[in-house]
Amino acid sequence: MFQIKTYNAIAKAGLKKFNEEHYQLNQSETPDALLIRSHKITEEELPNSVLAIGRAGAGVNNVPVEACTEKGIVVFNTPGANANAVKELVLANLLLAARPILEGANWVKTVTGSNIEEIVEGEKKRFAGTELQDKKLGVIGLGAIGAMVANDAYRIGMNVVGYDPYVSVDTAWTISSRVKRALTIEEVLRTCDYITIHVPLLPQTKQLINHEKLALIKKEAVLLNFSRGELVDNKAVATALVDGHLKQYITDFADEQFIGNEKVLVLPHLGASTIEAEVNCAKMAARTLKYFLETGNIKRSVNFPTVEMDFQAPIRLALIHLNVPSMVGTMTIELANHGINIVNMINRSKGEHAYTLIDLEGTSADQLEKIVAKLKTVENIIKIRVLENQQPTF
């Protein structure tokens, strides 16, 4: 019986994935896994029992990933589950940037008198805007969201250029051939009328858009940030807006200095706030956790490599260890010394850590107990799990 501890309000459709026969929710203070949304996990909330954390969302800045890695805790996210929600919000705000729709609607609410129709008709020229067709959109970051934004912006008539030196092969296949590739971020900044950011928040991307980058940006361009607030240097943006170099900044992340600024449109972090996105994220996070807990396979992890191997043997060992020479050899020699036959195995590494799955057959309970005890004494092995091959429920 696996124990799952949840934080935040997880969509019921996701929680239903944990069948009562094999899972209990919030019944133990020593859970096997945590399922979270925006809750900020501290190291104190990570008992030794925790094997994995499922984040129902793409960002993991609320998870101490480095500490989890050191403890052998696999951290999962749900890339793409909320992509459509964010994409639609970005497209909506591109339209709001081109046409003063909000300003016009708010002004109409203030009109009084018996000739409202005449007043409105006479003043509509105050709210003339521009069209997005033939304007150039620069998409910085072509992950699940960025790729969708690029494709749909092209479909509404924009000229789209994308920049991402690390775009995955899977994502590359989904991007329209009409989306042009920029070789540098500077090319995007210098040539685009609208620029939207869709990169993860990492040490190397923090304040990606700063004074230096804004100095390159095309005059009167509009900047959109629906990824992470820290990707943008807000002071630099405020200065660019005052100087008239940047026309408008639209963001999903509130900052005190932007409140009341007519050149800034701030939304209350609405990116993934749709019923569909919350359900999709919860279901994906639940399936991913179950897949890992029941088979040891890793998919969509942010701190360990993708490792998938068909589970056909009676017993599987899942080992998290440091990525140092001779680890695989040490493990296989110990198994041979105990007379245990290896049916199949796989080893993958990511940075300083690695993950190994070893399938065994013809192993007695006594042999298994002895080999696990022996492997726990091997230097550089962080965590060992023994899994029995049962009917999967994921």
Protein backbone atom coordinates (compact mmCIF):
# COMPACT_ATOMS: atom_id res chain seq x y z
CA MET A 1 0.00 0.00 0.00
CA PHE A 2 1.55 3.30 -1.13
CA GLN A 3 1.04 6.40 0.98
CA ILE A 4 0.50 9.73 -0.82
CA LYS A 5 0.47 13.10 0.93
CA THR A 6 -1.15 15.98 -0.95
CA TYR A 7 -0.80 19.72 -0.60
CA ASN A 8 -3.11 22.37 -2.09
CA ALA A 9 -6.43 21.48 -3.70
CA ILE A 10 -5.60 18.77 -6.22
CA ALA A 11 -8.27 18.21 -8.86
CA LYS A 12 -10.45 15.21 -7.99
CA ALA A 13 -9.92 13.71 -11.44
CA GLY A 14 -6.24 13.37 -10.57
CA LEU A 15 -6.80 11.95 -7.09
CA LYS A 16 -9.14 9.32 -8.52
CA LYS A 17 -6.15 7.84 -10.34
CA PHE A 18 -4.95 6.51 -6.97
CA ASN A 19 -7.08 3.39 -6.59
CA GLU A 20 -7.97 2.53 -2.99
CA GLU A 21 -6.66 -1.01 -3.32
CA HIS A 22 -3.05 0.17 -3.67
CA TYR A 23 -2.99 3.77 -2.40
CA GLN A 24 -3.97 5.81 0.64
CA LEU A 25 -4.19 9.60 0.59
CA ASN A 26 -3.08 11.71 3.56
CA GLN A 27 -3.18 8.80 6.00
CA SER A 28 0.48 8.75 7.02
CA GLU A 29 3.17 11.14 8.22
CA THR A 30 5.75 8.97 6.45
CA PRO A 31 4.45 9.10 2.87
CA ASP A 32 6.03 7.44 -0.13
CA ALA A 33 5.30 10.45 -2.34
CA LEU A 34 4.08 14.04 -2.22
CA LEU A 35 1.66 15.57 -4.71
CA ILE A 36 1.68 19.38 -4.81
CA ARG A 37 0.70 22.42 -6.84
CA SER A 38 1.98 25.76 -5.52
CA HIS A 39 2.86 24.71 -1.97
CA LYS A 40 6.48 25.54 -1.17
CA ILE A 41 8.15 22.38 0.08
CA THR A 42 10.81 22.74 2.77
CA GLU A 43 13.48 20.19 3.59
CA GLU A 44 11.73 19.64 6.93
CA GLU A 45 8.73 18.32 4.98
CA LEU A 46 10.82 15.58 3.43
CA PRO A 47 10.94 12.54 5.73
CA ASN A 48 13.23 9.70 4.73
CA SER A 49 10.23 7.75 3.48
CA VAL A 50 9.64 10.10 0.53
CA LEU A 51 10.63 8.55 -2.78
CA ALA A 52 9.17 11.13 -5.15
CA ILE A 53 7.44 14.49 -5.48
CA GLY A 54 4.87 15.14 -8.19
CA ARG A 55 4.38 18.80 -9.09
CA ALA A 56 1.06 19.43 -10.84
CA GLY A 57 2.53 22.13 -13.06
CA ALA A 58 5.64 22.86 -15.07
CA GLY A 59 7.67 25.03 -12.69
CA VAL A 60 9.46 23.49 -9.70
CA ASN A 61 10.79 26.65 -8.06
CA ASN A 62 8.70 25.70 -4.98
CA VAL A 63 10.63 22.45 -4.57
CA PRO A 64 14.17 22.18 -3.12
CA VAL A 65 15.31 20.16 -6.12
CA GLU A 66 18.99 20.04 -5.21
CA ALA A 67 18.25 18.77 -1.70
CA CYS A 68 15.86 16.20 -3.14
CA THR A 69 18.51 14.93 -5.53
CA GLU A 70 21.00 14.50 -2.70
CA LYS A 71 18.39 12.51 -0.75
CA GLY A 72 17.52 10.35 -3.76
CA ILE A 73 14.04 11.86 -4.17
CA VAL A 74 12.83 11.98 -7.76
CA VAL A 75 11.03 15.22 -8.64
CA PHE A 76 8.45 15.14 -11.43
CA ASN A 77 6.59 17.94 -13.19
CA THR A 78 3.86 18.00 -15.82
CA PRO A 79 5.27 19.71 -18.92
CA GLY A 80 2.63 20.52 -21.49
CA ALA A 81 -0.39 19.74 -19.31
CA ASN A 82 -1.21 23.43 -18.89
CA ALA A 83 0.34 24.58 -22.17
CA ASN A 84 -2.92 25.26 -23.97
CA ALA A 85 -4.23 27.42 -21.12
CA VAL A 86 -1.11 29.59 -21.14
CA LYS A 87 -1.05 29.72 -24.94
CA GLU A 88 -4.61 31.02 -25.10
CA LEU A 89 -3.84 33.67 -22.48
CA VAL A 90 -0.77 34.83 -24.41
CA LEU A 91 -2.76 35.09 -27.64
CA ALA A 92 -5.51 37.03 -25.85
CA ASN A 93 -2.96 39.50 -24.52
CA LEU A 94 -1.36 39.93 -27.93
CA LEU A 95 -4.79 41.08 -29.08
CA LEU A 96 -5.13 43.37 -26.04
CA ALA A 97 -1.73 44.86 -26.83
CA ALA A 98 -2.70 45.59 -30.44
CA ARG A 99 -6.21 46.88 -29.74
CA PRO A 100 -7.14 48.97 -26.65
CA ILE A 101 -10.09 46.69 -25.94
CA LEU A 102 -9.97 46.96 -22.15
CA GLU A 103 -9.59 50.74 -22.24
CA GLY A 104 -12.53 51.09 -24.61
CA ALA A 105 -14.79 48.80 -22.60
CA ASN A 106 -13.93 50.55 -19.34
CA TRP A 107 -14.58 53.98 -20.91
CA VAL A 108 -18.02 52.94 -22.16
CA LYS A 109 -18.98 52.09 -18.57
CA THR A 110 -18.46 55.73 -17.64
CA VAL A 111 -20.66 57.21 -20.41
CA THR A 112 -23.93 58.78 -19.25
CA GLY A 113 -26.74 60.76 -20.88
CA SER A 114 -29.62 60.18 -23.24
CA ASN A 115 -27.48 60.05 -26.38
CA ILE A 116 -25.04 57.32 -25.39
CA GLU A 117 -24.93 55.79 -28.86
CA GLU A 118 -23.91 59.11 -30.43
CA ILE A 119 -21.26 59.76 -27.77
CA VAL A 120 -19.75 56.30 -28.15
CA GLU A 121 -19.75 56.51 -31.93
CA GLY A 122 -18.14 59.92 -31.84
CA GLU A 123 -15.37 58.91 -29.44
CA LYS A 124 -14.47 55.48 -30.83
CA LYS A 125 -11.50 56.94 -32.71
CA ARG A 126 -9.82 57.37 -29.32
CA PHE A 127 -9.48 53.61 -29.18
CA ALA A 128 -8.13 52.88 -32.62
CA GLY A 129 -5.49 50.17 -32.55
CA THR A 130 -3.37 48.15 -34.91
CA GLU A 131 -3.67 44.66 -36.36
CA LEU A 132 -1.48 41.68 -35.55
CA GLN A 133 -1.43 40.49 -39.14
CA ASP A 134 2.02 40.92 -40.70
CA LYS A 135 3.51 42.08 -37.40
CA LYS A 136 6.58 40.17 -36.22
CA LEU A 137 6.42 38.04 -33.08
CA GLY A 138 9.53 36.77 -31.38
CA VAL A 139 9.15 33.67 -29.18
CA ILE A 140 12.02 33.14 -26.76
CA GLY A 141 11.86 29.51 -25.67
CA LEU A 142 10.23 26.83 -27.81
CA GLY A 143 9.10 24.32 -25.23
CA ALA A 144 5.54 23.01 -25.01
CA ILE A 145 4.03 26.49 -24.54
CA GLY A 146 6.36 28.47 -26.77
CA ALA A 147 5.87 26.07 -29.67
CA MET A 148 2.08 26.33 -29.41
CA VAL A 149 2.21 30.13 -29.23
CA ALA A 150 4.47 30.25 -32.28
CA ASN A 151 2.25 27.96 -34.34
CA ASP A 152 -1.02 29.72 -33.51
CA ALA A 153 0.43 33.22 -33.90
CA TYR A 154 1.48 32.24 -37.41
CA ARG A 155 -2.04 30.99 -38.10
CA ILE A 156 -3.53 34.39 -37.27
CA GLY A 157 -1.24 36.08 -39.73
CA MET A 158 1.84 37.08 -37.74
CA ASN A 159 5.39 36.62 -38.95
CA VAL A 160 6.94 34.43 -36.26
CA VAL A 161 10.57 33.89 -35.35
CA GLY A 162 11.62 31.56 -32.54
CA TYR A 163 14.81 31.31 -30.51
CA ASP A 164 15.74 28.27 -28.43
CA PRO A 165 19.21 26.71 -28.60
CA TYR A 166 18.00 23.72 -26.57
CA VAL A 167 14.75 22.84 -28.34
CA SER A 168 14.00 19.13 -28.00
CA VAL A 169 13.59 16.83 -30.97
CA ASP A 170 10.00 16.02 -29.97
CA THR A 171 9.06 19.70 -29.80
CA ALA A 172 10.89 20.50 -33.02
CA TRP A 173 8.62 18.09 -34.86
CA THR A 174 5.56 20.03 -33.70
CA ILE A 175 6.72 23.48 -34.81
CA SER A 176 5.44 24.75 -38.13
CA SER A 177 8.02 25.12 -40.88
CA ARG A 178 6.67 28.68 -41.30
CA VAL A 179 8.15 29.63 -37.93
CA LYS A 180 11.57 31.03 -38.69
CA ARG A 181 14.57 30.19 -36.56
CA ALA A 182 16.60 32.92 -34.90
CA LEU A 183 20.23 32.05 -34.24
CA THR A 184 20.57 34.50 -31.36
CA ILE A 185 18.32 36.16 -28.82
CA GLU A 186 19.68 39.50 -30.04
CA GLU A 187 18.11 38.86 -33.45
CA VAL A 188 14.70 38.49 -31.81
CA LEU A 189 15.09 41.65 -29.73
CA ARG A 190 16.23 43.82 -32.62
CA THR A 191 13.63 42.81 -35.18
CA CYS A 192 10.35 41.90 -33.47
CA ASP A 193 7.31 44.05 -32.75
CA TYR A 194 6.12 41.70 -30.02
CA ILE A 195 8.31 39.50 -27.83
CA THR A 196 7.04 36.71 -25.57
CA ILE A 197 9.18 34.73 -23.13
CA HIS A 198 8.71 31.00 -22.48
CA VAL A 199 11.83 29.67 -20.77
CA PRO A 200 12.22 27.98 -17.36
CA LEU A 201 13.61 29.94 -14.44
CA LEU A 202 17.19 28.75 -13.95
CA PRO A 203 20.26 30.50 -12.56
CA GLN A 204 21.37 31.26 -16.13
CA THR A 205 17.97 32.63 -17.18
CA LYS A 206 17.27 34.82 -14.15
CA GLN A 207 16.81 38.42 -15.39
CA LEU A 208 17.31 37.21 -18.93
CA ILE A 209 15.71 40.48 -20.05
CA ASN A 210 17.80 43.20 -18.41
CA HIS A 211 19.14 46.69 -19.17
CA GLU A 212 21.57 45.31 -21.74
CA LYS A 213 18.92 43.31 -23.59
CA LEU A 214 16.34 46.10 -23.46
CA ALA A 215 18.84 48.47 -25.06
CA LEU A 216 18.75 46.19 -28.11
CA ILE A 217 15.00 45.83 -28.32
CA LYS A 218 13.15 47.32 -31.28
CA LYS A 219 11.73 50.71 -30.34
CA GLU A 220 8.03 50.64 -29.46
CA ALA A 221 8.04 46.85 -29.09
CA VAL A 222 5.71 45.09 -26.64
CA LEU A 223 7.16 42.59 -24.15
CA LEU A 224 5.07 39.74 -22.72
CA ASN A 225 6.09 37.52 -19.81
CA PHE A 226 3.83 34.62 -18.87
CA SER A 227 6.63 32.31 -17.77
CA ARG A 228 8.26 33.53 -14.54
CA GLY A 229 8.50 37.03 -13.09
CA GLU A 230 12.20 36.70 -12.26
CA LEU A 231 13.09 36.25 -15.93
CA VAL A 232 12.71 40.00 -16.32
CA ASP A 233 14.57 42.80 -14.55
CA ASN A 234 11.56 44.89 -13.55
CA LYS A 235 13.60 48.01 -12.82
CA ALA A 236 15.11 47.85 -16.28
CA VAL A 237 11.64 47.44 -17.81
CA ALA A 238 10.31 50.41 -15.83
CA THR A 239 13.18 52.55 -17.12
CA ALA A 240 12.62 51.44 -20.72
CA LEU A 241 8.93 52.32 -20.44
CA VAL A 242 9.70 55.80 -19.06
CA ASP A 243 12.26 56.40 -21.81
CA GLY A 244 9.67 55.42 -24.39
CA HIS A 245 11.90 52.71 -25.79
CA LEU A 246 9.52 49.93 -24.76
CA LYS A 247 5.88 50.54 -25.65
CA GLN A 248 4.21 48.16 -23.20
CA TYR A 249 4.91 45.35 -20.76
CA ILE A 250 2.31 42.64 -20.18
CA THR A 251 2.91 40.14 -17.41
CA ASP A 252 1.22 37.55 -15.23
CA PHE A 253 3.35 38.45 -12.21
CA ALA A 254 2.51 41.39 -9.98
CA ASP A 255 5.16 43.84 -8.82
CA GLU A 256 4.50 46.90 -6.68
CA GLN A 257 6.34 49.26 -9.01
CA PHE A 258 4.03 48.37 -11.91
CA ILE A 259 0.71 48.93 -10.14
CA GLY A 260 -0.94 51.99 -11.65
CA ASN A 261 1.49 52.21 -14.57
CA GLU A 262 -0.61 52.75 -17.69
CA LYS A 263 2.05 51.13 -19.85
CA VAL A 264 1.95 47.90 -17.89
CA LEU A 265 -0.84 45.32 -17.90
CA VAL A 266 -0.53 43.03 -14.89
CA LEU A 267 -2.69 39.92 -14.54
CA PRO A 268 -3.13 37.97 -11.28
CA HIS A 269 -1.10 34.93 -12.34
CA LEU A 270 -3.85 33.49 -14.53
CA GLY A 271 -1.57 31.43 -16.79
CA ALA A 272 -2.72 27.92 -15.89
CA SER A 273 -5.85 28.95 -14.03
CA THR A 274 -8.39 27.06 -16.05
CA ILE A 275 -10.45 24.10 -14.96
CA GLU A 276 -9.03 22.05 -17.82
CA ALA A 277 -5.40 22.86 -17.00
CA GLU A 278 -5.78 21.98 -13.32
CA VAL A 279 -7.39 18.67 -14.22
CA ASN A 280 -4.76 17.86 -16.87
CA CYS A 281 -1.89 18.65 -14.50
CA ALA A 282 -3.37 16.62 -11.65
CA LYS A 283 -4.01 13.60 -13.87
CA MET A 284 -0.55 13.70 -15.43
CA ALA A 285 1.18 14.11 -12.05
CA ALA A 286 -0.79 11.20 -10.58
CA ARG A 287 -0.05 8.91 -13.53
CA THR A 288 3.65 9.80 -13.42
CA LEU A 289 3.92 9.09 -9.69
CA LYS A 290 2.12 5.76 -10.07
CA TYR A 291 4.32 4.75 -12.97
CA PHE A 292 7.42 5.39 -10.87
CA LEU A 293 6.14 3.85 -7.63
CA GLU A 294 4.86 0.68 -9.30
CA THR A 295 7.62 0.05 -11.86
CA GLY A 296 10.58 2.21 -10.89
CA ASN A 297 10.50 3.79 -14.36
CA ILE A 298 11.26 7.51 -14.52
CA LYS A 299 9.53 9.82 -16.96
CA ARG A 300 9.22 13.63 -16.82
CA SER A 301 11.70 14.08 -13.99
CA VAL A 302 13.54 17.37 -13.55
CA ASN A 303 16.44 15.96 -11.52
CA PHE A 304 16.98 12.39 -12.73
CA PRO A 305 17.33 10.92 -16.22
CA THR A 306 14.50 9.32 -18.14
CA VAL A 307 14.78 5.58 -17.51
CA GLU A 308 12.19 3.16 -18.87
CA MET A 309 12.50 -0.60 -19.12
CA ASP A 310 9.75 -3.16 -19.66
CA PHE A 311 9.08 -4.90 -16.34
CA GLN A 312 8.76 -8.63 -17.11
CA ALA A 313 10.88 -10.26 -14.42
CA PRO A 314 9.53 -11.21 -10.97
CA ILE A 315 11.74 -8.75 -9.06
CA ARG A 316 13.28 -5.39 -9.87
CA LEU A 317 15.94 -3.43 -8.04
CA ALA A 318 15.89 0.36 -8.48
CA LEU A 319 19.08 2.07 -7.37
CA ILE A 320 19.90 5.76 -7.11
CA HIS A 321 23.63 6.35 -6.84
CA LEU A 322 26.41 8.77 -7.64
CA ASN A 323 27.61 8.86 -11.22
CA VAL A 324 31.09 7.49 -10.60
CA PRO A 325 33.14 4.78 -12.37
CA SER A 326 32.61 1.07 -11.68
CA MET A 327 29.20 1.43 -9.99
CA VAL A 328 27.42 -0.86 -12.43
CA GLY A 329 30.24 -3.37 -12.24
CA THR A 330 30.17 -3.35 -8.45
CA MET A 331 26.43 -4.02 -8.39
CA THR A 332 26.53 -6.85 -10.92
CA ILE A 333 29.49 -8.52 -9.20
CA GLU A 334 27.64 -8.49 -5.87
CA LEU A 335 24.59 -10.05 -7.52
CA ALA A 336 26.76 -12.75 -9.14
CA ASN A 337 28.45 -13.47 -5.82
CA HIS A 338 25.03 -14.16 -4.32
CA GLY A 339 24.06 -16.45 -7.20
CA ILE A 340 21.38 -14.11 -8.54
CA ASN A 341 20.64 -14.02 -12.27
CA ILE A 342 20.15 -10.69 -14.05
CA VAL A 343 17.40 -10.79 -16.67
CA ASN A 344 17.74 -7.21 -17.87
CA MET A 345 19.18 -3.92 -16.74
CA ILE A 346 19.50 -0.27 -17.70
CA ASN A 347 21.66 2.57 -16.39
CA ARG A 348 21.39 6.28 -17.12
CA SER A 349 23.05 9.32 -15.62
CA LYS A 350 22.29 13.01 -15.23
CA GLY A 351 25.01 15.22 -13.88
CA GLU A 352 26.51 13.83 -10.70
CA HIS A 353 23.80 11.23 -10.14
CA ALA A 354 22.66 8.07 -11.90
CA TYR A 355 19.80 5.60 -11.84
CA THR A 356 19.92 1.87 -12.47
CA LEU A 357 17.16 -0.70 -12.89
CA ILE A 358 18.06 -4.39 -12.57
CA ASP A 359 15.51 -7.15 -13.21
CA LEU A 360 16.08 -10.47 -11.45
CA GLU A 361 14.71 -13.99 -11.62
CA GLY A 362 15.10 -17.14 -9.57
CA THR A 363 15.73 -15.14 -6.43
CA SER A 364 14.70 -16.44 -3.02
CA ALA A 365 13.50 -14.09 -0.30
CA ASP A 366 16.62 -14.90 1.72
CA GLN A 367 18.94 -14.14 -1.20
CA LEU A 368 17.13 -10.88 -1.89
CA GLU A 369 17.35 -9.76 1.72
CA LYS A 370 21.09 -10.46 1.83
CA ILE A 371 21.91 -8.73 -1.45
CA VAL A 372 19.91 -5.62 -0.53
CA ALA A 373 21.67 -5.46 2.84
CA LYS A 374 25.03 -5.81 1.09
CA LEU A 375 24.27 -3.17 -1.55
CA LYS A 376 23.24 -0.70 1.14
CA THR A 377 26.81 -0.82 2.44
CA VAL A 378 28.29 0.03 -0.98
CA GLU A 379 29.76 3.50 -1.09
CA ASN A 380 27.98 5.99 -3.37
CA ILE A 381 24.64 4.13 -3.41
CA ILE A 382 22.02 6.56 -2.08
CA LYS A 383 18.76 4.63 -2.20
CA ILE A 384 17.59 1.10 -3.08
CA ARG A 385 14.06 -0.06 -3.78
CA VAL A 386 12.81 -3.62 -4.29
CA LEU A 387 9.75 -3.88 -6.53
CA GLU A 388 7.59 -6.91 -7.15
CA ASN A 389 6.08 -7.30 -10.61
CA GLN A 390 2.35 -6.85 -10.14
CA GLN A 391 -0.54 -5.83 -12.37
CA PRO A 392 0.07 -2.12 -13.08
CA THR A 393 -2.68 0.39 -12.23
CA PHE A 394 -1.33 3.52 -13.94
